[in-house]
Amino acid sequence: IGFTEMSLNASPGQCLQWLAPVLRELSHSSAEGWLTLIDPPGEVSLHWLRSAGLDSGRILIIRSRGEMDPLELCCRVLAEGNSHTVVSWMTADARANDRLQRAAVAGNCSSLNVRLQPRRAA
């Protein structure tokens, strides 16, 4: 329960390959509730979930639209407590991280934010 952030420095496709085992483990968790993915990279689809060995029946994918604030959306989903883990992909500062932590505690779930760092040319 609480907030964790990981930073990956590679292409989105490579990052998803590295994340697949973590997401697979979370999707097969015995914990009650959903594994919720908020604004994952575009490559994440039902086909990708299945090919990566994830239990797609326990996963919700939520994509923010229009004027929707991804941070606010993530905090609301966390605080509702219907997910065991909420995974987000956003650039968050210390204040946002604190909001995610409080929302995760309120919803008795875990928050994992994945920060994708663009790969720098050598």
C-alpha atoms as a PDB file:
ATOM      1  CA  ILE A   1       0.000   0.000   0.000  1.00  0.00           C
ATOM      2  CA  GLY A   2       1.423   3.352  -0.993  1.00  0.00           C
ATOM      3  CA  PHE A   3       3.271   4.981  -3.856  1.00  0.00           C
ATOM      4  CA  THR A   4       6.297   3.769  -5.845  1.00  0.00           C
ATOM      5  CA  GLU A   5       7.878   5.277  -8.925  1.00  0.00           C
ATOM      6  CA  MET A   6      10.235   3.703 -11.411  1.00  0.00           C
ATOM      7  CA  SER A   7      12.118   5.447 -14.173  1.00  0.00           C
ATOM      8  CA  LEU A   8      12.974   3.605 -17.388  1.00  0.00           C
ATOM      9  CA  ASN A   9      15.382   4.927 -19.982  1.00  0.00           C
ATOM     10  CA  ALA A  10      14.595   3.227 -23.293  1.00  0.00           C
ATOM     11  CA  SER A  11      12.089   3.231 -26.111  1.00  0.00           C
ATOM     12  CA  PRO A  12       8.465   2.670 -25.074  1.00  0.00           C
ATOM     13  CA  GLY A  13       8.560  -0.799 -26.652  1.00  0.00           C
ATOM     14  CA  GLN A  14      11.657  -1.799 -24.666  1.00  0.00           C
ATOM     15  CA  CYS A  15      10.156  -0.382 -21.482  1.00  0.00           C
ATOM     16  CA  LEU A  16       7.051  -2.519 -21.976  1.00  0.00           C
ATOM     17  CA  GLN A  17       9.263  -5.609 -22.405  1.00  0.00           C
ATOM     18  CA  TRP A  18      10.923  -4.810 -19.055  1.00  0.00           C
ATOM     19  CA  LEU A  19       7.575  -4.103 -17.393  1.00  0.00           C
ATOM     20  CA  ALA A  20       5.782  -7.175 -18.739  1.00  0.00           C
ATOM     21  CA  PRO A  21       7.003  -9.554 -15.976  1.00  0.00           C
ATOM     22  CA  VAL A  22       5.982  -7.077 -13.259  1.00  0.00           C
ATOM     23  CA  LEU A  23       2.562  -6.517 -14.812  1.00  0.00           C
ATOM     24  CA  ARG A  24       2.160 -10.279 -15.345  1.00  0.00           C
ATOM     25  CA  GLU A  25       2.836 -10.934 -11.662  1.00  0.00           C
ATOM     26  CA  LEU A  26       0.407  -8.190 -10.620  1.00  0.00           C
ATOM     27  CA  SER A  27      -2.307  -9.470 -12.971  1.00  0.00           C
ATOM     28  CA  HIS A  28      -2.071 -12.938 -11.433  1.00  0.00           C
ATOM     29  CA  SER A  29      -1.980 -11.627  -7.853  1.00  0.00           C
ATOM     30  CA  SER A  30      -4.304 -13.173  -5.308  1.00  0.00           C
ATOM     31  CA  ALA A  31      -5.125  -9.672  -4.040  1.00  0.00           C
ATOM     32  CA  GLU A  32      -8.720  -8.583  -4.525  1.00  0.00           C
ATOM     33  CA  GLY A  33      -9.514  -5.890  -7.048  1.00  0.00           C
ATOM     34  CA  TRP A  34      -8.298  -4.784 -10.435  1.00  0.00           C
ATOM     35  CA  LEU A  35      -4.869  -4.122 -11.832  1.00  0.00           C
ATOM     36  CA  THR A  36      -5.684  -0.743 -13.355  1.00  0.00           C
ATOM     37  CA  LEU A  37      -3.503   0.848 -16.035  1.00  0.00           C
ATOM     38  CA  ILE A  38      -3.985   4.581 -16.490  1.00  0.00           C
ATOM     39  CA  ASP A  39      -2.773   6.123 -19.749  1.00  0.00           C
ATOM     40  CA  PRO A  40      -0.406   3.294 -20.696  1.00  0.00           C
ATOM     41  CA  PRO A  41       1.663   3.643 -23.890  1.00  0.00           C
ATOM     42  CA  GLY A  42      -0.343   3.133 -27.063  1.00  0.00           C
ATOM     43  CA  GLU A  43       1.202  -0.307 -27.618  1.00  0.00           C
ATOM     44  CA  VAL A  44      -0.763  -1.655 -24.631  1.00  0.00           C
ATOM     45  CA  SER A  45      -3.837  -3.368 -26.023  1.00  0.00           C
ATOM     46  CA  LEU A  46      -5.842  -6.496 -25.350  1.00  0.00           C
ATOM     47  CA  HIS A  47      -3.598  -8.311 -27.846  1.00  0.00           C
ATOM     48  CA  TRP A  48      -0.428  -7.082 -26.068  1.00  0.00           C
ATOM     49  CA  LEU A  49      -1.798  -8.099 -22.647  1.00  0.00           C
ATOM     50  CA  ARG A  50      -2.546 -11.611 -23.843  1.00  0.00           C
ATOM     51  CA  SER A  51       0.744 -12.047 -25.728  1.00  0.00           C
ATOM     52  CA  ALA A  52       2.656 -10.906 -22.609  1.00  0.00           C
ATOM     53  CA  GLY A  53       0.881 -13.563 -20.522  1.00  0.00           C
ATOM     54  CA  LEU A  54      -1.199 -11.159 -18.452  1.00  0.00           C
ATOM     55  CA  ASP A  55      -4.626 -12.092 -17.099  1.00  0.00           C
ATOM     56  CA  SER A  56      -6.644  -9.618 -19.166  1.00  0.00           C
ATOM     57  CA  GLY A  57      -9.782 -10.482 -17.187  1.00  0.00           C
ATOM     58  CA  ARG A  58      -8.340  -8.751 -14.111  1.00  0.00           C
ATOM     59  CA  ILE A  59      -7.064  -5.619 -15.861  1.00  0.00           C
ATOM     60  CA  LEU A  60      -8.764  -2.289 -16.500  1.00  0.00           C
ATOM     61  CA  ILE A  61      -7.211   0.107 -18.993  1.00  0.00           C
ATOM     62  CA  ILE A  62      -8.300   3.713 -18.538  1.00  0.00           C
ATOM     63  CA  ARG A  63      -7.213   6.413 -20.952  1.00  0.00           C
ATOM     64  CA  SER A  64      -7.785  10.058 -20.065  1.00  0.00           C
ATOM     65  CA  ARG A  65      -9.499  12.141 -22.717  1.00  0.00           C
ATOM     66  CA  GLY A  66      -9.675  15.783 -23.652  1.00  0.00           C
ATOM     67  CA  GLU A  67      -9.415  18.104 -20.681  1.00  0.00           C
ATOM     68  CA  MET A  68      -9.221  15.245 -18.160  1.00  0.00           C
ATOM     69  CA  ASP A  69      -6.268  15.642 -15.780  1.00  0.00           C
ATOM     70  CA  PRO A  70      -4.384  12.297 -15.606  1.00  0.00           C
ATOM     71  CA  LEU A  71      -3.184  13.000 -12.048  1.00  0.00           C
ATOM     72  CA  GLU A  72      -6.721  13.741 -10.831  1.00  0.00           C
ATOM     73  CA  LEU A  73      -8.034  10.649 -12.615  1.00  0.00           C
ATOM     74  CA  CYS A  74      -5.337   8.470 -11.051  1.00  0.00           C
ATOM     75  CA  CYS A  75      -5.999   9.842  -7.555  1.00  0.00           C
ATOM     76  CA  ARG A  76      -9.734   9.195  -7.909  1.00  0.00           C
ATOM     77  CA  VAL A  77      -9.196   5.614  -9.077  1.00  0.00           C
ATOM     78  CA  LEU A  78      -6.737   4.986  -6.222  1.00  0.00           C
ATOM     79  CA  ALA A  79      -8.988   6.467  -3.544  1.00  0.00           C
ATOM     80  CA  GLU A  80     -12.010   4.428  -4.705  1.00  0.00           C
ATOM     81  CA  GLY A  81     -10.219   1.278  -3.578  1.00  0.00           C
ATOM     82  CA  ASN A  82     -11.498  -1.031  -6.335  1.00  0.00           C
ATOM     83  CA  SER A  83      -7.972  -1.836  -7.541  1.00  0.00           C
ATOM     84  CA  HIS A  84      -5.180  -3.669  -5.771  1.00  0.00           C
ATOM     85  CA  THR A  85      -2.650  -1.747  -7.891  1.00  0.00           C
ATOM     86  CA  VAL A  86      -2.939   1.298 -10.131  1.00  0.00           C
ATOM     87  CA  VAL A  87      -0.135   1.751 -12.671  1.00  0.00           C
ATOM     88  CA  SER A  88       0.235   5.181 -14.267  1.00  0.00           C
ATOM     89  CA  TRP A  89       2.544   6.654 -16.873  1.00  0.00           C
ATOM     90  CA  MET A  90       3.103  10.330 -16.157  1.00  0.00           C
ATOM     91  CA  THR A  91       5.712  12.867 -15.242  1.00  0.00           C
ATOM     92  CA  ALA A  92       4.997  13.668 -11.618  1.00  0.00           C
ATOM     93  CA  ASP A  93       6.700  16.100  -9.254  1.00  0.00           C
ATOM     94  CA  ALA A  94       7.038  15.763  -5.473  1.00  0.00           C
ATOM     95  CA  ARG A  95       3.617  17.338  -4.860  1.00  0.00           C
ATOM     96  CA  ALA A  96       1.942  14.932  -7.306  1.00  0.00           C
ATOM     97  CA  ASN A  97       3.774  11.985  -5.756  1.00  0.00           C
ATOM     98  CA  ASP A  98       2.442  13.035  -2.341  1.00  0.00           C
ATOM     99  CA  ARG A  99      -1.116  13.178  -3.709  1.00  0.00           C
ATOM    100  CA  LEU A 100      -0.707   9.700  -5.217  1.00  0.00           C
ATOM    101  CA  GLN A 101       0.616   8.375  -1.896  1.00  0.00           C
ATOM    102  CA  ARG A 102      -2.333   9.804   0.057  1.00  0.00           C
ATOM    103  CA  ALA A 103      -4.852   8.484  -2.466  1.00  0.00           C
ATOM    104  CA  ALA A 104      -3.283   4.993  -2.398  1.00  0.00           C
ATOM    105  CA  VAL A 105      -3.451   4.887   1.391  1.00  0.00           C
ATOM    106  CA  ALA A 106      -7.067   6.115   1.342  1.00  0.00           C
ATOM    107  CA  GLY A 107      -8.003   3.354  -1.123  1.00  0.00           C
ATOM    108  CA  ASN A 108      -5.877   0.697   0.606  1.00  0.00           C
ATOM    109  CA  CYS A 109      -4.032  -0.087  -2.626  1.00  0.00           C
ATOM    110  CA  SER A 110      -0.687   0.367  -4.358  1.00  0.00           C
ATOM    111  CA  SER A 111       0.292   3.034  -6.858  1.00  0.00           C
ATOM    112  CA  LEU A 112       3.120   2.477  -9.333  1.00  0.00           C
ATOM    113  CA  ASN A 113       4.066   5.369 -11.575  1.00  0.00           C
ATOM    114  CA  VAL A 114       6.277   4.576 -14.555  1.00  0.00           C
ATOM    115  CA  ARG A 115       8.324   7.516 -15.741  1.00  0.00           C
ATOM    116  CA  LEU A 116       9.552   6.931 -19.287  1.00  0.00           C
ATOM    117  CA  GLN A 117      12.793   8.783 -19.926  1.00  0.00           C
ATOM    118  CA  PRO A 118      13.589   9.358 -23.590  1.00  0.00           C
ATOM    119  CA  ARG A 119      16.716   7.548 -24.687  1.00  0.00           C
ATOM    120  CA  ARG A 120      19.559   9.939 -25.384  1.00  0.00           C
ATOM    121  CA  ALA A 121      21.688   9.572 -28.475  1.00  0.00           C
ATOM    122  CA  ALA A 122      25.209   8.321 -27.768  1.00  0.00           C
END
